C-alpha atoms as a PDB file:
ATOM      1  CA  UNK A   1       0.940  -2.556  20.543  1.00  0.00           C
ATOM      2  CA  UNK A   2      -0.461   0.433  18.720  1.00  0.00           C
ATOM      3  CA  UNK A   3      -0.063   0.756  14.954  1.00  0.00           C
ATOM      4  CA  UNK A   4      -0.603   4.236  13.549  1.00  0.00           C
ATOM      5  CA  UNK A   5      -0.929   4.544   9.787  1.00  0.00           C
ATOM      6  CA  UNK A   6      -0.602   7.930   8.082  1.00  0.00           C
ATOM      7  CA  UNK A   7       1.300   9.135  11.154  1.00  0.00           C
ATOM      8  CA  UNK A   8       2.622  12.133   9.223  1.00  0.00           C
ATOM      9  CA  UNK A   9      -0.863  13.633   9.681  1.00  0.00           C
ATOM     10  CA  UNK A  10      -0.686  13.527  13.490  1.00  0.00           C
ATOM     11  CA  UNK A  11      -0.170  16.746  15.396  1.00  0.00           C
ATOM     12  CA  UNK A  12       3.003  17.143  17.455  1.00  0.00           C
ATOM     13  CA  UNK A  13       0.900  17.287  20.628  1.00  0.00           C
ATOM     14  CA  UNK A  14      -0.648  13.869  19.949  1.00  0.00           C
ATOM     15  CA  UNK A  15       2.713  12.339  19.075  1.00  0.00           C
ATOM     16  CA  UNK A  16       4.197  13.682  22.309  1.00  0.00           C
ATOM     17  CA  UNK A  17       1.267  12.270  24.294  1.00  0.00           C
ATOM     18  CA  UNK A  18       1.965   8.871  22.748  1.00  0.00           C
ATOM     19  CA  UNK A  19       5.570   9.178  23.871  1.00  0.00           C
ATOM     20  CA  UNK A  20       4.470   9.911  27.438  1.00  0.00           C
ATOM     21  CA  UNK A  21       1.860   7.123  27.455  1.00  0.00           C
ATOM     22  CA  UNK A  22       4.261   4.525  26.111  1.00  0.00           C
ATOM     23  CA  UNK A  23       6.333   4.210  29.268  1.00  0.00           C
ATOM     24  CA  UNK A  24       6.114   4.489  33.016  1.00  0.00           C
ATOM     25  CA  UNK A  25       8.871   5.906  35.210  1.00  0.00           C
ATOM     26  CA  UNK A  26      10.393   7.749  32.292  1.00  0.00           C
ATOM     27  CA  UNK A  27      11.879   5.196  29.874  1.00  0.00           C
ATOM     28  CA  UNK A  28      12.576   2.396  32.364  1.00  0.00           C
ATOM     29  CA  UNK A  29       9.259   0.524  31.993  1.00  0.00           C
ATOM     30  CA  UNK A  30       7.822   0.346  28.504  1.00  0.00           C
ATOM     31  CA  UNK A  31       4.045  -0.025  28.569  1.00  0.00           C
ATOM     32  CA  UNK A  32       3.222   0.247  24.917  1.00  0.00           C
ATOM     33  CA  UNK A  33       4.940  -0.426  21.627  1.00  0.00           C
ATOM     34  CA  UNK A  34       4.003   2.187  19.050  1.00  0.00           C
ATOM     35  CA  UNK A  35       4.623   1.652  15.346  1.00  0.00           C
ATOM     36  CA  UNK A  36       4.389   4.805  13.264  1.00  0.00           C
ATOM     37  CA  UNK A  37       3.831   4.271   9.561  1.00  0.00           C
ATOM     38  CA  UNK A  38       3.844   7.117   7.118  1.00  0.00           C
ATOM     39  CA  UNK A  39       5.382   8.610   4.051  1.00  0.00           C
ATOM     40  CA  UNK A  40       8.550  10.698   3.844  1.00  0.00           C
ATOM     41  CA  UNK A  41       6.775  13.630   5.497  1.00  0.00           C
ATOM     42  CA  UNK A  42       6.846  11.649   8.764  1.00  0.00           C
ATOM     43  CA  UNK A  43      10.642  11.692   8.810  1.00  0.00           C
ATOM     44  CA  UNK A  44      10.601  15.450   8.257  1.00  0.00           C
ATOM     45  CA  UNK A  45       7.919  15.830  10.927  1.00  0.00           C
ATOM     46  CA  UNK A  46      10.057  14.015  13.511  1.00  0.00           C
ATOM     47  CA  UNK A  47      12.921  16.466  12.928  1.00  0.00           C
ATOM     48  CA  UNK A  48      10.839  19.351  14.282  1.00  0.00           C
ATOM     49  CA  UNK A  49      12.186  20.764  17.524  1.00  0.00           C
ATOM     50  CA  UNK A  50       9.122  19.844  19.587  1.00  0.00           C
ATOM     51  CA  UNK A  51       9.359  16.217  18.400  1.00  0.00           C
ATOM     52  CA  UNK A  52      13.093  15.660  18.969  1.00  0.00           C
ATOM     53  CA  UNK A  53      12.446  13.776  22.254  1.00  0.00           C
ATOM     54  CA  UNK A  54      10.200  11.360  20.368  1.00  0.00           C
ATOM     55  CA  UNK A  55      12.538  11.030  17.415  1.00  0.00           C
ATOM     56  CA  UNK A  56      15.441  10.147  19.697  1.00  0.00           C
ATOM     57  CA  UNK A  57      13.438   7.265  21.206  1.00  0.00           C
ATOM     58  CA  UNK A  58      12.665   5.532  17.932  1.00  0.00           C
ATOM     59  CA  UNK A  59      14.725   2.364  17.940  1.00  0.00           C
ATOM     60  CA  UNK A  60      14.215   1.056  14.446  1.00  0.00           C
ATOM     61  CA  UNK A  61      13.473   2.976  11.282  1.00  0.00           C
ATOM     62  CA  UNK A  62      12.602   1.374   7.998  1.00  0.00           C
ATOM     63  CA  UNK A  63      12.443   3.694   5.039  1.00  0.00           C
ATOM     64  CA  UNK A  64      11.259   1.963   1.918  1.00  0.00           C
ATOM     65  CA  UNK A  65      11.674   3.170  -1.614  1.00  0.00           C
ATOM     66  CA  UNK A  66       9.800   2.172  -4.735  1.00  0.00           C
ATOM     67  CA  UNK A  67      10.011  -1.582  -5.111  1.00  0.00           C
ATOM     68  CA  UNK A  68      11.691  -2.973  -8.184  1.00  0.00           C
ATOM     69  CA  UNK A  69       9.623  -5.074 -10.567  1.00  0.00           C
ATOM     70  CA  UNK A  70      11.475  -8.216  -9.450  1.00  0.00           C
ATOM     71  CA  UNK A  71      10.658  -7.496  -5.796  1.00  0.00           C
ATOM     72  CA  UNK A  72       6.987  -6.976  -6.580  1.00  0.00           C
ATOM     73  CA  UNK A  73       6.910 -10.204  -8.595  1.00  0.00           C
ATOM     74  CA  UNK A  74       8.544 -12.174  -5.788  1.00  0.00           C
ATOM     75  CA  UNK A  75       6.007 -10.757  -3.328  1.00  0.00           C
ATOM     76  CA  UNK A  76       3.061 -11.603  -5.577  1.00  0.00           C
ATOM     77  CA  UNK A  77       4.318 -15.146  -6.138  1.00  0.00           C
ATOM     78  CA  UNK A  78       4.865 -15.574  -2.399  1.00  0.00           C
ATOM     79  CA  UNK A  79       1.353 -14.341  -1.620  1.00  0.00           C
ATOM     80  CA  UNK A  80      -0.230 -16.716  -4.133  1.00  0.00           C
ATOM     81  CA  UNK A  81       1.804 -19.657  -2.838  1.00  0.00           C
ATOM     82  CA  UNK A  82       1.032 -18.767   0.786  1.00  0.00           C
ATOM     83  CA  UNK A  83      -2.660 -18.588  -0.056  1.00  0.00           C
ATOM     84  CA  UNK A  84      -2.435 -22.176  -1.299  1.00  0.00           C
ATOM     85  CA  UNK A  85      -2.616 -21.661  -5.047  1.00  0.00           C
ATOM     86  CA  UNK A  86       0.723 -20.742  -6.618  1.00  0.00           C
ATOM     87  CA  UNK A  87      -0.786 -21.211 -10.089  1.00  0.00           C
ATOM     88  CA  UNK A  88      -3.749 -18.881  -9.470  1.00  0.00           C
ATOM     89  CA  UNK A  89      -2.422 -16.204 -11.844  1.00  0.00           C
ATOM     90  CA  UNK A  90      -0.864 -16.658 -15.218  1.00  0.00           C
ATOM     91  CA  UNK A  91       2.735 -15.516 -15.503  1.00  0.00           C
ATOM     92  CA  UNK A  92       1.886 -12.770 -18.027  1.00  0.00           C
ATOM     93  CA  UNK A  93      -0.763 -11.438 -15.629  1.00  0.00           C
ATOM     94  CA  UNK A  94       1.750 -11.361 -12.777  1.00  0.00           C
ATOM     95  CA  UNK A  95       4.119  -9.301 -14.911  1.00  0.00           C
ATOM     96  CA  UNK A  96       1.288  -6.992 -15.978  1.00  0.00           C
ATOM     97  CA  UNK A  97       0.265  -6.389 -12.372  1.00  0.00           C
ATOM     98  CA  UNK A  98       3.850  -5.613 -11.408  1.00  0.00           C
ATOM     99  CA  UNK A  99       4.150  -3.177 -14.315  1.00  0.00           C
ATOM    100  CA  UNK A 100       0.986  -1.343 -13.226  1.00  0.00           C
ATOM    101  CA  UNK A 101       1.833  -1.241  -9.497  1.00  0.00           C
ATOM    102  CA  UNK A 102       4.166   1.773  -9.833  1.00  0.00           C
ATOM    103  CA  UNK A 103       6.655   0.230  -7.415  1.00  0.00           C
ATOM    104  CA  UNK A 104       4.056   0.134  -4.635  1.00  0.00           C
ATOM    105  CA  UNK A 105       3.149  -3.068  -2.779  1.00  0.00           C
ATOM    106  CA  UNK A 106      -0.223  -1.669  -1.713  1.00  0.00           C
ATOM    107  CA  UNK A 107      -1.203  -0.895  -5.300  1.00  0.00           C
ATOM    108  CA  UNK A 108      -0.077  -4.381  -6.335  1.00  0.00           C
ATOM    109  CA  UNK A 109      -2.206  -5.991  -3.618  1.00  0.00           C
ATOM    110  CA  UNK A 110      -5.204  -3.797  -4.467  1.00  0.00           C
ATOM    111  CA  UNK A 111      -5.052  -4.667  -8.170  1.00  0.00           C
ATOM    112  CA  UNK A 112      -4.742  -8.372  -7.377  1.00  0.00           C
ATOM    113  CA  UNK A 113      -7.584  -8.157  -4.858  1.00  0.00           C
ATOM    114  CA  UNK A 114      -9.915  -6.535  -7.384  1.00  0.00           C
ATOM    115  CA  UNK A 115      -9.124  -9.262  -9.912  1.00  0.00           C
ATOM    116  CA  UNK A 116      -9.661 -11.969  -7.323  1.00  0.00           C
ATOM    117  CA  UNK A 117     -13.043 -10.524  -6.323  1.00  0.00           C
ATOM    118  CA  UNK A 118     -14.254 -10.475  -9.929  1.00  0.00           C
ATOM    119  CA  UNK A 119     -12.889 -13.973 -10.523  1.00  0.00           C
ATOM    120  CA  UNK A 120     -14.742 -15.246  -7.446  1.00  0.00           C
ATOM    121  CA  UNK A 121     -18.007 -13.623  -8.591  1.00  0.00           C
ATOM    122  CA  UNK A 122     -17.709 -15.117 -12.062  1.00  0.00           C
ATOM    123  CA  UNK A 123     -16.374 -18.439 -10.724  1.00  0.00           C
ATOM    124  CA  UNK A 124     -13.143 -18.322 -12.706  1.00  0.00           C
ATOM    125  CA  UNK A 125     -10.565 -20.844 -11.513  1.00  0.00           C
ATOM    126  CA  UNK A 126      -7.607 -18.995 -13.090  1.00  0.00           C
ATOM    127  CA  UNK A 127      -6.734 -15.321 -13.410  1.00  0.00           C
ATOM    128  CA  UNK A 128      -5.207 -14.140 -16.664  1.00  0.00           C
ATOM    129  CA  UNK A 129      -4.609 -11.025 -18.742  1.00  0.00           C
ATOM    130  CA  UNK A 130      -8.049 -11.298 -20.351  1.00  0.00           C
ATOM    131  CA  UNK A 131      -9.566 -10.779 -16.902  1.00  0.00           C
ATOM    132  CA  UNK A 132      -7.206  -7.853 -16.291  1.00  0.00           C
ATOM    133  CA  UNK A 133      -8.405  -6.179 -19.498  1.00  0.00           C
ATOM    134  CA  UNK A 134     -12.017  -6.926 -18.659  1.00  0.00           C
ATOM    135  CA  UNK A 135     -11.727  -5.377 -15.206  1.00  0.00           C
ATOM    136  CA  UNK A 136      -9.424  -2.427 -15.816  1.00  0.00           C
ATOM    137  CA  UNK A 137     -10.163  -1.292 -19.370  1.00  0.00           C
ATOM    138  CA  UNK A 138     -12.407   1.758 -19.212  1.00  0.00           C
ATOM    139  CA  UNK A 139     -15.715   1.340 -21.004  1.00  0.00           C
ATOM    140  CA  UNK A 140     -15.845   2.753 -24.490  1.00  0.00           C
ATOM    141  CA  UNK A 141     -17.728   6.008 -24.632  1.00  0.00           C
ATOM    142  CA  UNK A 142     -19.973   6.797 -27.490  1.00  0.00           C
ATOM    143  CA  UNK A 143     -18.515   9.296 -29.906  1.00  0.00           C
ATOM    144  CA  UNK A 144     -20.741  12.360 -30.002  1.00  0.00           C
ATOM    145  CA  UNK A 145     -22.319  13.033 -33.356  1.00  0.00           C
ATOM    146  CA  UNK A 146     -21.251  16.155 -35.073  1.00  0.00           C
ATOM    147  CA  UNK A 147     -24.030  18.271 -36.370  1.00  0.00           C
ATOM    148  CA  UNK A 148     -23.529  20.625 -39.206  1.00  0.00           C
ATOM    149  CA  UNK A 149     -23.219  24.180 -38.072  1.00  0.00           C
ATOM    150  CA  UNK A 150     -25.472  26.699 -39.798  1.00  0.00           C
ATOM    151  CA  UNK A 151     -23.646  28.931 -42.231  1.00  0.00           C
END
């Protein structure tokens, strides 16, 4: 199995080579399963004339949209429970993370990962909104002093 992320960046020649490498004796003997992951540009890319043979061989397509807040929350709760600590994050923190994830599971996981790393370094047993503010609030910058301009 070959998993290609950011496949929309691949040239048509490389994608066609993958198509040829994936099977022997035309399409009768599959040798390789290729999973192409990319954004909406990938779908447009596969509509190009030189990629129609590849596009016609794709068996399953999964186009995802922005996840709803409820979907993100369910995912986050599932991940915490699967990791063995369903109570790791406070409920308000879970909602805050979902609000800041912009409908994107990867952003949600990245935010949670950053919080978990800081919590592990500081030996915190529970993640809450105070930690979120500590980690993600930009540091206050000093206000520059205004000097009187000469008249």
